[in-house]
Structure formats: C-alpha cells, structure tokens
C-alpha atoms as a PDB file:
ATOM      1  CA  UNK A   1      84.483  75.802  90.512  1.00  0.00           C
ATOM      2  CA  UNK A   2      82.986  75.342  87.049  1.00  0.00           C
ATOM      3  CA  UNK A   3      80.556  72.630  86.149  1.00  0.00           C
ATOM      4  CA  UNK A   4      80.500  70.585  83.292  1.00  0.00           C
ATOM      5  CA  UNK A   5      78.052  71.309  80.534  1.00  0.00           C
ATOM      6  CA  UNK A   6      74.843  70.467  80.709  1.00  0.00           C
ATOM      7  CA  UNK A   7      71.960  69.547  78.251  1.00  0.00           C
ATOM      8  CA  UNK A   8      68.718  69.880  78.514  1.00  0.00           C
ATOM      9  CA  UNK A   9      65.990  67.969  76.270  1.00  0.00           C
ATOM     10  CA  UNK A  10      62.408  69.099  76.423  1.00  0.00           C
ATOM     11  CA  UNK A  11      59.764  66.659  75.677  1.00  0.00           C
ATOM     12  CA  UNK A  12      56.419  66.135  74.856  1.00  0.00           C
ATOM     13  CA  UNK A  13      54.201  64.379  77.339  1.00  0.00           C
ATOM     14  CA  UNK A  14      51.127  64.268  75.386  1.00  0.00           C
ATOM     15  CA  UNK A  15      52.460  63.028  72.465  1.00  0.00           C
ATOM     16  CA  UNK A  16      54.369  60.477  74.742  1.00  0.00           C
ATOM     17  CA  UNK A  17      58.277  60.965  73.860  1.00  0.00           C
ATOM     18  CA  UNK A  18      59.649  60.218  77.346  1.00  0.00           C
ATOM     19  CA  UNK A  19      61.293  57.044  75.721  1.00  0.00           C
ATOM     20  CA  UNK A  20      62.573  58.908  72.709  1.00  0.00           C
ATOM     21  CA  UNK A  21      63.730  61.897  75.314  1.00  0.00           C
ATOM     22  CA  UNK A  22      65.229  59.070  77.546  1.00  0.00           C
ATOM     23  CA  UNK A  23      67.254  57.203  74.937  1.00  0.00           C
ATOM     24  CA  UNK A  24      68.555  60.093  73.317  1.00  0.00           C
ATOM     25  CA  UNK A  25      70.192  61.195  77.059  1.00  0.00           C
ATOM     26  CA  UNK A  26      71.675  57.538  77.602  1.00  0.00           C
ATOM     27  CA  UNK A  27      73.169  57.866  74.116  1.00  0.00           C
ATOM     28  CA  UNK A  28      74.879  61.036  74.823  1.00  0.00           C
ATOM     29  CA  UNK A  29      75.643  60.460  78.610  1.00  0.00           C
ATOM     30  CA  UNK A  30      77.361  56.673  77.127  1.00  0.00           C
ATOM     31  CA  UNK A  31      79.082  58.988  74.345  1.00  0.00           C
ATOM     32  CA  UNK A  32      80.319  62.049  76.518  1.00  0.00           C
ATOM     33  CA  UNK A  33      81.563  60.028  79.626  1.00  0.00           C
ATOM     34  CA  UNK A  34      83.925  62.508  80.615  1.00  0.00           C
ATOM     35  CA  UNK A  35      82.266  65.675  79.393  1.00  0.00           C
ATOM     36  CA  UNK A  36      79.153  66.481  80.370  1.00  0.00           C
ATOM     37  CA  UNK A  37      77.978  66.925  83.759  1.00  0.00           C
ATOM     38  CA  UNK A  38      74.575  66.707  83.621  1.00  0.00           C
ATOM     39  CA  UNK A  39      71.399  65.809  81.149  1.00  0.00           C
ATOM     40  CA  UNK A  40      67.973  66.588  82.101  1.00  0.00           C
ATOM     41  CA  UNK A  41      64.979  65.443  80.983  1.00  0.00           C
ATOM     42  CA  UNK A  42      62.276  68.393  81.028  1.00  0.00           C
ATOM     43  CA  UNK A  43      58.341  67.437  80.323  1.00  0.00           C
ATOM     44  CA  UNK A  44      56.628  69.699  78.260  1.00  0.00           C
ATOM     45  CA  UNK A  45      53.501  69.931  76.189  1.00  0.00           C
ATOM     46  CA  UNK A  46      52.304  71.119  72.647  1.00  0.00           C
ATOM     47  CA  UNK A  47      54.741  68.774  70.176  1.00  0.00           C
ATOM     48  CA  UNK A  48      57.621  70.480  71.721  1.00  0.00           C
ATOM     49  CA  UNK A  49      60.853  68.271  71.520  1.00  0.00           C
ATOM     50  CA  UNK A  50      63.861  70.665  72.117  1.00  0.00           C
ATOM     51  CA  UNK A  51      67.653  69.932  72.867  1.00  0.00           C
ATOM     52  CA  UNK A  52      69.754  72.792  75.047  1.00  0.00           C
ATOM     53  CA  UNK A  53      73.189  72.590  75.298  1.00  0.00           C
ATOM     54  CA  UNK A  54      73.736  74.841  78.121  1.00  0.00           C
ATOM     55  CA  UNK A  55      71.673  77.762  77.247  1.00  0.00           C
ATOM     56  CA  UNK A  56      72.068  77.366  73.388  1.00  0.00           C
ATOM     57  CA  UNK A  57      69.627  75.643  71.563  1.00  0.00           C
ATOM     58  CA  UNK A  58      70.543  73.057  68.849  1.00  0.00           C
ATOM     59  CA  UNK A  59      67.884  71.083  68.077  1.00  0.00           C
ATOM     60  CA  UNK A  60      63.743  72.084  68.030  1.00  0.00           C
ATOM     61  CA  UNK A  61      61.565  69.614  66.429  1.00  0.00           C
ATOM     62  CA  UNK A  62      59.174  72.216  65.540  1.00  0.00           C
ATOM     63  CA  UNK A  63      62.150  74.352  63.251  1.00  0.00           C
ATOM     64  CA  UNK A  64      63.442  71.299  61.792  1.00  0.00           C
ATOM     65  CA  UNK A  65      60.341  69.086  61.244  1.00  0.00           C
ATOM     66  CA  UNK A  66      61.253  65.925  63.079  1.00  0.00           C
ATOM     67  CA  UNK A  67      63.765  64.691  65.476  1.00  0.00           C
ATOM     68  CA  UNK A  68      67.427  64.830  65.059  1.00  0.00           C
ATOM     69  CA  UNK A  69      69.629  61.426  64.229  1.00  0.00           C
ATOM     70  CA  UNK A  70      71.444  60.483  66.780  1.00  0.00           C
ATOM     71  CA  UNK A  71      74.427  60.487  65.163  1.00  0.00           C
ATOM     72  CA  UNK A  72      73.698  64.248  64.105  1.00  0.00           C
ATOM     73  CA  UNK A  73      72.654  64.867  67.997  1.00  0.00           C
ATOM     74  CA  UNK A  74      76.187  63.529  68.748  1.00  0.00           C
ATOM     75  CA  UNK A  75      77.932  65.701  66.507  1.00  0.00           C
ATOM     76  CA  UNK A  76      75.900  68.803  67.585  1.00  0.00           C
ATOM     77  CA  UNK A  77      76.496  67.872  71.207  1.00  0.00           C
ATOM     78  CA  UNK A  78      80.412  67.156  70.203  1.00  0.00           C
ATOM     79  CA  UNK A  79      80.950  70.466  68.392  1.00  0.00           C
ATOM     80  CA  UNK A  80      79.995  72.586  71.476  1.00  0.00           C
ATOM     81  CA  UNK A  81      81.603  70.990  74.207  1.00  0.00           C
ATOM     82  CA  UNK A  82      84.570  68.700  72.874  1.00  0.00           C
ATOM     83  CA  UNK A  83      85.241  69.492  69.756  1.00  0.00           C
ATOM     84  CA  UNK A  84      88.571  67.878  69.575  1.00  0.00           C
ATOM     85  CA  UNK A  85      86.687  64.464  70.556  1.00  0.00           C
ATOM     86  CA  UNK A  86      86.353  61.845  67.801  1.00  0.00           C
ATOM     87  CA  UNK A  87      83.546  60.052  67.452  1.00  0.00           C
ATOM     88  CA  UNK A  88      84.402  56.872  65.789  1.00  0.00           C
ATOM     89  CA  UNK A  89      81.833  55.373  63.875  1.00  0.00           C
ATOM     90  CA  UNK A  90      79.531  58.090  64.348  1.00  0.00           C
ATOM     91  CA  UNK A  91      82.096  60.458  62.693  1.00  0.00           C
ATOM     92  CA  UNK A  92      81.351  62.661  59.854  1.00  0.00           C
ATOM     93  CA  UNK A  93      82.334  61.311  56.375  1.00  0.00           C
ATOM     94  CA  UNK A  94      84.575  63.868  54.670  1.00  0.00           C
END
C-alpha cells in the first residue's frame, strides 16, 4: 500500500518558531485535504527552518534568507504532489 505524500517542517525551538511552523502545517493540511498523508513538525535548533516534501528539501530559511510566503509554499508543495490542482486565489498569475 502506498502512502500519501509527507511534508516535514523542521523549526528552531530556540527561536520559538513553533507557531509559524504549526500555522504553515495547518494551511497545507487545509489546502491539500485529499493529497497529503501527513505533515510533521520536527523541533531543531540553530535557526533552522526547513520544509521537505518527501525527501526533497523545498525550502531552507538559511539558503533563501527568510521564510516562505504561504502562497509560494502552497505552490511549491502543489507542484510536487498534485500539479493538476488549482489553488484558487493562491494561484500564480501568468
């Protein structure tokens, strides 16, 4: 039996980014009700804030020098797990 995609958000406990990570998890779970199998919150330290879809790192705060906008995060996740899904008002303008 294949499992639905898993998203992992690693957040810095020293920086107190749990609330930000939990909010992003809620947004992803609400948007991808039928597409996601799990969103995991993993505590870390040292200013870490990383988001993985499966094994693929799609966001690293240190590399990108900041946090993802929720619209951008939804697009990054969508492009990997459900490319056909429209995001409504969060959709990219072409």
